[in-house]
């Protein structure tokens, strides 16, 4: 949790950091590579279909919580399910919270789309 929060609210930039997606994926891959691969493929699929990076990132954060329930016995660190569930909920909450401006733009149709064309 602290790795992701440290990226999002870094002291060196007056507690204004990134959205924690890349760091979060790194944490997920470290804790459970199966969940990590599924989350990355899912996020990329959403991004390709919708062309919204923010939507793919937020969908991946939600999927992380859901997959934590299904892959509860395959984490590198062993412990009770509730600890993994709470960890995934906290990380996902902050990832989505940092996307609140993107959510506003998505709702009014002003979010930037990625382009796959050469310029």
C-alpha atoms as a PDB file:
ATOM      1  CA  UNK A   1       0.000   0.000   0.000  1.00  0.00           C
ATOM      2  CA  UNK A   2       2.726   2.449   0.951  1.00  0.00           C
ATOM      3  CA  UNK A   3       4.573   1.970  -2.338  1.00  0.00           C
ATOM      4  CA  UNK A   4       1.504   3.006  -4.331  1.00  0.00           C
ATOM      5  CA  UNK A   5       0.578   5.848  -1.972  1.00  0.00           C
ATOM      6  CA  UNK A   6       4.184   7.053  -1.993  1.00  0.00           C
ATOM      7  CA  UNK A   7       4.005   7.338  -5.765  1.00  0.00           C
ATOM      8  CA  UNK A   8       0.662   9.120  -5.679  1.00  0.00           C
ATOM      9  CA  UNK A   9       1.505  11.553  -2.893  1.00  0.00           C
ATOM     10  CA  UNK A  10       5.261  11.985  -3.100  1.00  0.00           C
ATOM     11  CA  UNK A  11       6.803  14.433  -0.662  1.00  0.00           C
ATOM     12  CA  UNK A  12       9.235  15.687  -3.322  1.00  0.00           C
ATOM     13  CA  UNK A  13       6.415  17.142  -5.431  1.00  0.00           C
ATOM     14  CA  UNK A  14       4.373  18.626  -2.577  1.00  0.00           C
ATOM     15  CA  UNK A  15       2.266  15.462  -2.282  1.00  0.00           C
ATOM     16  CA  UNK A  16       1.179  15.667  -5.930  1.00  0.00           C
ATOM     17  CA  UNK A  17       2.301  12.559  -7.762  1.00  0.00           C
ATOM     18  CA  UNK A  18       0.949  10.198 -10.366  1.00  0.00           C
ATOM     19  CA  UNK A  19      -2.157   8.071 -10.386  1.00  0.00           C
ATOM     20  CA  UNK A  20      -0.394   4.957  -9.161  1.00  0.00           C
ATOM     21  CA  UNK A  21      -1.325   2.720 -12.072  1.00  0.00           C
ATOM     22  CA  UNK A  22       2.162   1.617 -13.152  1.00  0.00           C
ATOM     23  CA  UNK A  23       3.291   1.274  -9.545  1.00  0.00           C
ATOM     24  CA  UNK A  24       0.090  -0.580  -8.681  1.00  0.00           C
ATOM     25  CA  UNK A  25       0.605  -3.005 -11.554  1.00  0.00           C
ATOM     26  CA  UNK A  26       4.138  -3.605 -10.274  1.00  0.00           C
ATOM     27  CA  UNK A  27       2.802  -4.369  -6.799  1.00  0.00           C
ATOM     28  CA  UNK A  28       0.110  -6.662  -8.216  1.00  0.00           C
ATOM     29  CA  UNK A  29       2.646  -8.529 -10.366  1.00  0.00           C
ATOM     30  CA  UNK A  30       4.883  -8.948  -7.323  1.00  0.00           C
ATOM     31  CA  UNK A  31       2.123 -10.249  -5.055  1.00  0.00           C
ATOM     32  CA  UNK A  32       0.501 -12.512  -7.627  1.00  0.00           C
ATOM     33  CA  UNK A  33       1.744 -12.650 -11.198  1.00  0.00           C
ATOM     34  CA  UNK A  34      -1.389 -14.467 -12.435  1.00  0.00           C
ATOM     35  CA  UNK A  35      -3.632 -11.646 -11.281  1.00  0.00           C
ATOM     36  CA  UNK A  36      -1.134  -9.149 -12.678  1.00  0.00           C
ATOM     37  CA  UNK A  37      -1.183 -10.660 -16.164  1.00  0.00           C
ATOM     38  CA  UNK A  38      -4.985 -10.856 -16.219  1.00  0.00           C
ATOM     39  CA  UNK A  39      -5.307  -7.255 -15.013  1.00  0.00           C
ATOM     40  CA  UNK A  40      -2.815  -5.947 -17.603  1.00  0.00           C
ATOM     41  CA  UNK A  41      -4.464  -7.830 -20.491  1.00  0.00           C
ATOM     42  CA  UNK A  42      -7.899  -6.646 -19.347  1.00  0.00           C
ATOM     43  CA  UNK A  43      -6.757  -3.019 -19.062  1.00  0.00           C
ATOM     44  CA  UNK A  44      -5.130  -3.088 -22.490  1.00  0.00           C
ATOM     45  CA  UNK A  45      -8.271  -4.640 -23.994  1.00  0.00           C
ATOM     46  CA  UNK A  46     -10.458  -1.892 -22.525  1.00  0.00           C
ATOM     47  CA  UNK A  47      -8.004   0.751 -23.760  1.00  0.00           C
ATOM     48  CA  UNK A  48      -7.938  -0.675 -27.289  1.00  0.00           C
ATOM     49  CA  UNK A  49     -11.721  -1.033 -27.534  1.00  0.00           C
ATOM     50  CA  UNK A  50     -12.702   2.313 -25.956  1.00  0.00           C
ATOM     51  CA  UNK A  51      -9.472   4.250 -26.656  1.00  0.00           C
ATOM     52  CA  UNK A  52      -9.657   5.651 -23.096  1.00  0.00           C
ATOM     53  CA  UNK A  53      -6.555   4.941 -21.021  1.00  0.00           C
ATOM     54  CA  UNK A  54      -8.239   6.196 -17.863  1.00  0.00           C
ATOM     55  CA  UNK A  55     -11.191   3.838 -18.294  1.00  0.00           C
ATOM     56  CA  UNK A  56      -8.877   0.860 -18.775  1.00  0.00           C
ATOM     57  CA  UNK A  57      -6.899   1.843 -15.685  1.00  0.00           C
ATOM     58  CA  UNK A  58      -9.965   2.181 -13.488  1.00  0.00           C
ATOM     59  CA  UNK A  59     -11.509  -1.045 -14.793  1.00  0.00           C
ATOM     60  CA  UNK A  60      -8.250  -2.831 -14.000  1.00  0.00           C
ATOM     61  CA  UNK A  61      -8.344  -1.474 -10.446  1.00  0.00           C
ATOM     62  CA  UNK A  62     -11.834  -2.907  -9.956  1.00  0.00           C
ATOM     63  CA  UNK A  63     -10.862  -6.227 -11.523  1.00  0.00           C
ATOM     64  CA  UNK A  64      -7.912  -6.472  -9.109  1.00  0.00           C
ATOM     65  CA  UNK A  65     -10.322  -6.552  -6.159  1.00  0.00           C
ATOM     66  CA  UNK A  66     -12.566  -9.155  -7.803  1.00  0.00           C
ATOM     67  CA  UNK A  67      -9.649 -11.414  -8.767  1.00  0.00           C
ATOM     68  CA  UNK A  68      -8.256 -11.220  -5.240  1.00  0.00           C
ATOM     69  CA  UNK A  69     -11.267 -13.276  -4.147  1.00  0.00           C
ATOM     70  CA  UNK A  70     -10.730 -15.946  -6.808  1.00  0.00           C
ATOM     71  CA  UNK A  71      -6.951 -16.287  -6.502  1.00  0.00           C
ATOM     72  CA  UNK A  72      -6.803 -16.046  -2.716  1.00  0.00           C
ATOM     73  CA  UNK A  73      -4.547 -19.092  -2.306  1.00  0.00           C
ATOM     74  CA  UNK A  74      -1.930 -18.175  -4.893  1.00  0.00           C
ATOM     75  CA  UNK A  75      -0.383 -15.042  -3.390  1.00  0.00           C
ATOM     76  CA  UNK A  76       3.378 -15.071  -2.855  1.00  0.00           C
ATOM     77  CA  UNK A  77       2.806 -13.988   0.750  1.00  0.00           C
ATOM     78  CA  UNK A  78       0.485 -16.262   2.703  1.00  0.00           C
ATOM     79  CA  UNK A  79      -2.119 -14.809   5.000  1.00  0.00           C
ATOM     80  CA  UNK A  80      -5.831 -14.509   5.648  1.00  0.00           C
ATOM     81  CA  UNK A  81      -8.040 -13.507   2.708  1.00  0.00           C
ATOM     82  CA  UNK A  82      -9.304 -10.445   4.554  1.00  0.00           C
ATOM     83  CA  UNK A  83      -5.814  -8.906   4.582  1.00  0.00           C
ATOM     84  CA  UNK A  84      -5.456  -9.304   0.799  1.00  0.00           C
ATOM     85  CA  UNK A  85      -8.985  -8.048   0.240  1.00  0.00           C
ATOM     86  CA  UNK A  86      -8.425  -4.944   2.370  1.00  0.00           C
ATOM     87  CA  UNK A  87      -5.102  -4.286   0.628  1.00  0.00           C
ATOM     88  CA  UNK A  88      -6.653  -4.616  -2.830  1.00  0.00           C
ATOM     89  CA  UNK A  89      -9.589  -2.397  -1.834  1.00  0.00           C
ATOM     90  CA  UNK A  90      -7.315   0.349  -0.502  1.00  0.00           C
ATOM     91  CA  UNK A  91      -5.007   0.307  -3.525  1.00  0.00           C
ATOM     92  CA  UNK A  92      -7.949   0.249  -5.951  1.00  0.00           C
ATOM     93  CA  UNK A  93      -9.801   2.987  -4.082  1.00  0.00           C
ATOM     94  CA  UNK A  94      -6.853   5.367  -4.311  1.00  0.00           C
ATOM     95  CA  UNK A  95      -6.236   4.516  -7.975  1.00  0.00           C
ATOM     96  CA  UNK A  96      -9.837   5.377  -8.823  1.00  0.00           C
ATOM     97  CA  UNK A  97      -9.847   8.412  -6.498  1.00  0.00           C
ATOM     98  CA  UNK A  98      -6.848   9.860  -8.350  1.00  0.00           C
ATOM     99  CA  UNK A  99      -8.861   9.533 -11.586  1.00  0.00           C
ATOM    100  CA  UNK A 100     -11.713  11.760 -10.378  1.00  0.00           C
ATOM    101  CA  UNK A 101     -10.950  14.481 -12.966  1.00  0.00           C
ATOM    102  CA  UNK A 102     -10.904  11.811 -15.689  1.00  0.00           C
ATOM    103  CA  UNK A 103     -14.272  10.533 -14.460  1.00  0.00           C
ATOM    104  CA  UNK A 104     -15.729  14.040 -14.758  1.00  0.00           C
ATOM    105  CA  UNK A 105     -14.384  14.374 -18.313  1.00  0.00           C
ATOM    106  CA  UNK A 106     -15.696  10.906 -19.250  1.00  0.00           C
ATOM    107  CA  UNK A 107     -19.168  11.833 -18.001  1.00  0.00           C
ATOM    108  CA  UNK A 108     -19.338  14.974 -20.126  1.00  0.00           C
ATOM    109  CA  UNK A 109     -17.612  13.402 -23.121  1.00  0.00           C
ATOM    110  CA  UNK A 110     -14.433  15.491 -22.993  1.00  0.00           C
ATOM    111  CA  UNK A 111     -11.889  12.822 -22.047  1.00  0.00           C
ATOM    112  CA  UNK A 112      -8.987  12.508 -24.481  1.00  0.00           C
ATOM    113  CA  UNK A 113      -8.799   9.325 -26.538  1.00  0.00           C
ATOM    114  CA  UNK A 114      -5.613   7.617 -27.618  1.00  0.00           C
ATOM    115  CA  UNK A 115      -4.897   7.283 -31.300  1.00  0.00           C
ATOM    116  CA  UNK A 116      -3.269   4.305 -32.974  1.00  0.00           C
ATOM    117  CA  UNK A 117      -2.607   6.132 -36.243  1.00  0.00           C
ATOM    118  CA  UNK A 118       0.763   7.415 -37.397  1.00  0.00           C
ATOM    119  CA  UNK A 119       1.016  11.138 -37.732  1.00  0.00           C
END
